Amino acid sequence: MVGEIKGQITAGKGKYAIVVSRFNEFITSKLLGGAIDCLQRHGASDEQIQLVWVPGTCEITIAAKKLADSGKYAAVLCLGAVIRGQTSHYDYVCQQVTRGIAQINYEGKTPAVFGVLTCETIEQAVERAGTKRGNAGSDAAMTAMEIADVIGQL
């Protein structure tokens, strides 16, 4: 029989850190609410959740790296919202945060989960923050619990 490792979606006894950007807080606060609700519905207590606010999306990676390197957390959720504007700034921010979160995963033992919206319009962001297309914060929490469980089994 083939061996199989499959993650469970449960908070277990691990701690979860959530790094969330204040920029576009009207969206990121909804992502945060979805993430916390999901973690709690899957057994996490308030004591198992550490929240860290950062000024903008680019700053998510420095806080996430410090949290991941601390060894205190089963996973670090990275929540932000980048909405395209009139300049190329959007492209640079998206590239920076994507590369930074990937680098944390390449280098560390603690997974960093990408829960950053990269949207063309405000309407798209609203849809992904708890309306038509679900809540990306909740999705990130589900991913965090599952990958933490997989890593615990490895």
C-alpha atoms as a PDB file:
ATOM      1  CA  MET A   1       0.000   0.000   0.000  1.00  0.00           C
ATOM      2  CA  VAL A   2       1.233   3.480  -0.866  1.00  0.00           C
ATOM      3  CA  GLY A   3       2.049   5.667   2.125  1.00  0.00           C
ATOM      4  CA  GLU A   4       0.061   8.874   2.310  1.00  0.00           C
ATOM      5  CA  ILE A   5       0.344  12.052   4.311  1.00  0.00           C
ATOM      6  CA  LYS A   6      -2.773  14.169   4.303  1.00  0.00           C
ATOM      7  CA  GLY A   7      -3.355  17.274   6.412  1.00  0.00           C
ATOM      8  CA  GLN A   8      -6.352  17.796   8.627  1.00  0.00           C
ATOM      9  CA  ILE A   9      -8.040  21.165   8.880  1.00  0.00           C
ATOM     10  CA  THR A  10      -7.946  21.671  12.607  1.00  0.00           C
ATOM     11  CA  ALA A  11      -6.169  24.246  14.740  1.00  0.00           C
ATOM     12  CA  GLY A  12      -4.844  21.587  17.092  1.00  0.00           C
ATOM     13  CA  LYS A  13      -2.592  22.944  19.817  1.00  0.00           C
ATOM     14  CA  GLY A  14      -0.444  25.122  17.552  1.00  0.00           C
ATOM     15  CA  LYS A  15      -0.266  28.880  17.563  1.00  0.00           C
ATOM     16  CA  TYR A  16      -1.013  30.927  14.483  1.00  0.00           C
ATOM     17  CA  ALA A  17       0.352  34.376  13.712  1.00  0.00           C
ATOM     18  CA  ILE A  18      -1.555  36.713  11.429  1.00  0.00           C
ATOM     19  CA  VAL A  19       0.258  39.626   9.805  1.00  0.00           C
ATOM     20  CA  VAL A  20      -2.172  42.115   8.285  1.00  0.00           C
ATOM     21  CA  SER A  21      -1.600  45.341   6.390  1.00  0.00           C
ATOM     22  CA  ARG A  22      -3.303  48.555   7.550  1.00  0.00           C
ATOM     23  CA  PHE A  23      -3.192  49.874   3.970  1.00  0.00           C
ATOM     24  CA  ASN A  24      -6.608  49.213   2.381  1.00  0.00           C
ATOM     25  CA  GLU A  25      -7.889  48.369   5.863  1.00  0.00           C
ATOM     26  CA  PHE A  26     -11.477  48.532   4.654  1.00  0.00           C
ATOM     27  CA  ILE A  27     -10.621  45.275   2.844  1.00  0.00           C
ATOM     28  CA  THR A  28      -7.920  43.778   5.078  1.00  0.00           C
ATOM     29  CA  SER A  29     -10.124  44.031   8.175  1.00  0.00           C
ATOM     30  CA  LYS A  30     -12.629  41.752   6.413  1.00  0.00           C
ATOM     31  CA  LEU A  31      -9.854  39.289   5.541  1.00  0.00           C
ATOM     32  CA  LEU A  32      -8.727  39.343   9.157  1.00  0.00           C
ATOM     33  CA  GLY A  33     -12.255  38.704  10.409  1.00  0.00           C
ATOM     34  CA  GLY A  34     -12.562  35.731   8.062  1.00  0.00           C
ATOM     35  CA  ALA A  35      -9.218  34.286   9.174  1.00  0.00           C
ATOM     36  CA  ILE A  36      -9.933  34.598  12.887  1.00  0.00           C
ATOM     37  CA  ASP A  37     -13.447  33.200  12.496  1.00  0.00           C
ATOM     38  CA  CYS A  38     -12.135  30.214  10.538  1.00  0.00           C
ATOM     39  CA  LEU A  39      -9.363  29.458  13.046  1.00  0.00           C
ATOM     40  CA  GLN A  40     -11.811  29.656  15.946  1.00  0.00           C
ATOM     41  CA  ARG A  41     -14.406  27.486  14.196  1.00  0.00           C
ATOM     42  CA  HIS A  42     -11.674  24.859  13.839  1.00  0.00           C
ATOM     43  CA  GLY A  43     -10.726  24.875  17.503  1.00  0.00           C
ATOM     44  CA  ALA A  44      -8.271  27.754  18.017  1.00  0.00           C
ATOM     45  CA  SER A  45      -8.573  29.729  21.223  1.00  0.00           C
ATOM     46  CA  ASP A  46      -7.745  33.431  21.471  1.00  0.00           C
ATOM     47  CA  GLU A  47      -4.439  32.461  23.090  1.00  0.00           C
ATOM     48  CA  GLN A  48      -3.461  30.507  19.968  1.00  0.00           C
ATOM     49  CA  ILE A  49      -3.778  33.551  17.698  1.00  0.00           C
ATOM     50  CA  GLN A  50      -1.239  36.396  17.559  1.00  0.00           C
ATOM     51  CA  LEU A  51      -2.168  39.437  15.468  1.00  0.00           C
ATOM     52  CA  VAL A  52       0.460  41.810  14.052  1.00  0.00           C
ATOM     53  CA  TRP A  53      -0.538  44.955  12.140  1.00  0.00           C
ATOM     54  CA  VAL A  54       1.965  46.458   9.689  1.00  0.00           C
ATOM     55  CA  PRO A  55       1.714  49.730   7.728  1.00  0.00           C
ATOM     56  CA  GLY A  56       1.554  48.334   4.201  1.00  0.00           C
ATOM     57  CA  THR A  57       1.722  45.199   2.126  1.00  0.00           C
ATOM     58  CA  CYS A  58       5.493  45.407   1.554  1.00  0.00           C
ATOM     59  CA  GLU A  59       6.027  45.358   5.320  1.00  0.00           C
ATOM     60  CA  ILE A  60       4.163  42.073   5.711  1.00  0.00           C
ATOM     61  CA  THR A  61       7.277  40.087   4.824  1.00  0.00           C
ATOM     62  CA  ILE A  62       9.610  41.488   7.499  1.00  0.00           C
ATOM     63  CA  ALA A  63       7.099  40.819  10.268  1.00  0.00           C
ATOM     64  CA  ALA A  64       6.214  37.405   8.849  1.00  0.00           C
ATOM     65  CA  LYS A  65       9.891  36.425   8.653  1.00  0.00           C
ATOM     66  CA  LYS A  66      10.517  37.392  12.296  1.00  0.00           C
ATOM     67  CA  LEU A  67       7.450  35.417  13.392  1.00  0.00           C
ATOM     68  CA  ALA A  68       8.355  32.378  11.285  1.00  0.00           C
ATOM     69  CA  ASP A  69      11.962  32.428  12.525  1.00  0.00           C
ATOM     70  CA  SER A  70      10.824  32.570  16.161  1.00  0.00           C
ATOM     71  CA  GLY A  71       9.695  28.931  16.033  1.00  0.00           C
ATOM     72  CA  LYS A  72       6.619  29.774  18.140  1.00  0.00           C
ATOM     73  CA  TYR A  73       4.011  29.330  15.429  1.00  0.00           C
ATOM     74  CA  ALA A  74       2.570  26.461  13.413  1.00  0.00           C
ATOM     75  CA  ALA A  75       1.998  28.889  10.522  1.00  0.00           C
ATOM     76  CA  VAL A  76       2.040  32.581   9.696  1.00  0.00           C
ATOM     77  CA  LEU A  77      -0.864  34.011   7.711  1.00  0.00           C
ATOM     78  CA  CYS A  78      -0.030  37.026   5.540  1.00  0.00           C
ATOM     79  CA  LEU A  79      -3.059  39.213   4.751  1.00  0.00           C
ATOM     80  CA  GLY A  80      -3.115  42.289   2.556  1.00  0.00           C
ATOM     81  CA  ALA A  81      -4.857  43.929  -0.376  1.00  0.00           C
ATOM     82  CA  VAL A  82      -3.136  45.506  -3.352  1.00  0.00           C
ATOM     83  CA  ILE A  83      -5.471  47.248  -5.789  1.00  0.00           C
ATOM     84  CA  ARG A  84      -4.210  48.490  -9.157  1.00  0.00           C
ATOM     85  CA  GLY A  85      -3.995  52.251  -9.475  1.00  0.00           C
ATOM     86  CA  GLN A  86      -2.800  54.668 -12.145  1.00  0.00           C
ATOM     87  CA  THR A  87       0.927  53.883 -11.787  1.00  0.00           C
ATOM     88  CA  SER A  88       3.206  50.852 -11.947  1.00  0.00           C
ATOM     89  CA  HIS A  89       3.511  50.845  -8.127  1.00  0.00           C
ATOM     90  CA  TYR A  90       0.986  47.971  -8.018  1.00  0.00           C
ATOM     91  CA  ASP A  91       3.327  45.694  -9.979  1.00  0.00           C
ATOM     92  CA  TYR A  92       6.295  46.374  -7.701  1.00  0.00           C
ATOM     93  CA  VAL A  93       4.315  45.822  -4.507  1.00  0.00           C
ATOM     94  CA  CYS A  94       2.811  42.560  -5.789  1.00  0.00           C
ATOM     95  CA  GLN A  95       6.215  41.264  -6.866  1.00  0.00           C
ATOM     96  CA  GLN A  96       7.850  42.274  -3.576  1.00  0.00           C
ATOM     97  CA  VAL A  97       5.311  40.606  -1.281  1.00  0.00           C
ATOM     98  CA  THR A  98       5.035  37.478  -3.423  1.00  0.00           C
ATOM     99  CA  ARG A  99       8.796  37.038  -3.532  1.00  0.00           C
ATOM    100  CA  GLY A 100       9.161  37.762   0.194  1.00  0.00           C
ATOM    101  CA  ILE A 101       6.553  35.242   1.313  1.00  0.00           C
ATOM    102  CA  ALA A 102       7.978  32.613  -1.037  1.00  0.00           C
ATOM    103  CA  GLN A 103      11.463  33.258   0.378  1.00  0.00           C
ATOM    104  CA  ILE A 104      10.198  32.659   3.927  1.00  0.00           C
ATOM    105  CA  ASN A 105       8.840  29.300   2.792  1.00  0.00           C
ATOM    106  CA  TYR A 106      12.072  28.366   1.010  1.00  0.00           C
ATOM    107  CA  GLU A 107      14.267  29.194   3.992  1.00  0.00           C
ATOM    108  CA  GLY A 108      12.213  28.306   7.033  1.00  0.00           C
ATOM    109  CA  LYS A 109      10.537  25.586   8.971  1.00  0.00           C
ATOM    110  CA  THR A 110       7.352  27.575   9.542  1.00  0.00           C
ATOM    111  CA  PRO A 111       5.011  28.023   6.582  1.00  0.00           C
ATOM    112  CA  ALA A 112       3.965  31.522   5.532  1.00  0.00           C
ATOM    113  CA  VAL A 113       0.570  31.491   3.827  1.00  0.00           C
ATOM    114  CA  PHE A 114      -0.142  33.951   1.011  1.00  0.00           C
ATOM    115  CA  GLY A 115      -3.440  35.676   1.760  1.00  0.00           C
ATOM    116  CA  VAL A 116      -2.738  38.873  -0.160  1.00  0.00           C
ATOM    117  CA  LEU A 117      -5.341  40.028  -2.647  1.00  0.00           C
ATOM    118  CA  THR A 118      -3.907  41.367  -5.904  1.00  0.00           C
ATOM    119  CA  CYS A 119      -6.877  42.924  -7.646  1.00  0.00           C
ATOM    120  CA  GLU A 120      -7.470  45.113 -10.657  1.00  0.00           C
ATOM    121  CA  THR A 121     -10.431  46.927  -9.040  1.00  0.00           C
ATOM    122  CA  ILE A 122     -11.924  47.703  -5.655  1.00  0.00           C
ATOM    123  CA  GLU A 123     -14.943  45.646  -6.661  1.00  0.00           C
ATOM    124  CA  GLN A 124     -12.773  42.556  -7.134  1.00  0.00           C
ATOM    125  CA  ALA A 125     -11.238  43.087  -3.698  1.00  0.00           C
ATOM    126  CA  VAL A 126     -14.659  43.426  -2.071  1.00  0.00           C
ATOM    127  CA  GLU A 127     -15.811  40.206  -3.775  1.00  0.00           C
ATOM    128  CA  ARG A 128     -12.826  38.300  -2.305  1.00  0.00           C
ATOM    129  CA  ALA A 129     -13.187  39.812   1.159  1.00  0.00           C
ATOM    130  CA  GLY A 130     -16.417  38.093   2.094  1.00  0.00           C
ATOM    131  CA  THR A 131     -19.019  38.591  -0.590  1.00  0.00           C
ATOM    132  CA  LYS A 132     -19.454  36.826  -3.949  1.00  0.00           C
ATOM    133  CA  ARG A 133     -16.155  34.925  -4.030  1.00  0.00           C
ATOM    134  CA  GLY A 134     -15.856  33.961  -0.384  1.00  0.00           C
ATOM    135  CA  ASN A 135     -13.250  35.310   1.999  1.00  0.00           C
ATOM    136  CA  ALA A 136      -9.559  34.983   1.147  1.00  0.00           C
ATOM    137  CA  GLY A 137      -8.693  35.407   4.838  1.00  0.00           C
ATOM    138  CA  SER A 138     -10.737  32.341   5.692  1.00  0.00           C
ATOM    139  CA  ASP A 139      -9.099  30.467   2.806  1.00  0.00           C
ATOM    140  CA  ALA A 140      -5.654  31.418   4.146  1.00  0.00           C
ATOM    141  CA  ALA A 141      -6.591  30.126   7.609  1.00  0.00           C
ATOM    142  CA  MET A 142      -7.746  26.797   6.158  1.00  0.00           C
ATOM    143  CA  THR A 143      -4.485  26.510   4.230  1.00  0.00           C
ATOM    144  CA  ALA A 144      -2.445  27.403   7.329  1.00  0.00           C
ATOM    145  CA  MET A 145      -4.071  24.692   9.438  1.00  0.00           C
ATOM    146  CA  GLU A 146      -3.750  22.038   6.746  1.00  0.00           C
ATOM    147  CA  ILE A 147      -0.105  22.754   5.876  1.00  0.00           C
ATOM    148  CA  ALA A 148       0.824  22.980   9.563  1.00  0.00           C
ATOM    149  CA  ASP A 149      -0.662  19.528  10.057  1.00  0.00           C
ATOM    150  CA  VAL A 150       1.187  18.146   7.014  1.00  0.00           C
ATOM    151  CA  ILE A 151       4.495  19.578   8.218  1.00  0.00           C
ATOM    152  CA  GLY A 152       3.855  18.131  11.670  1.00  0.00           C
ATOM    153  CA  GLN A 153       3.519  14.697  10.091  1.00  0.00           C
ATOM    154  CA  LEU A 154       6.678  14.942   7.984  1.00  0.00           C
END
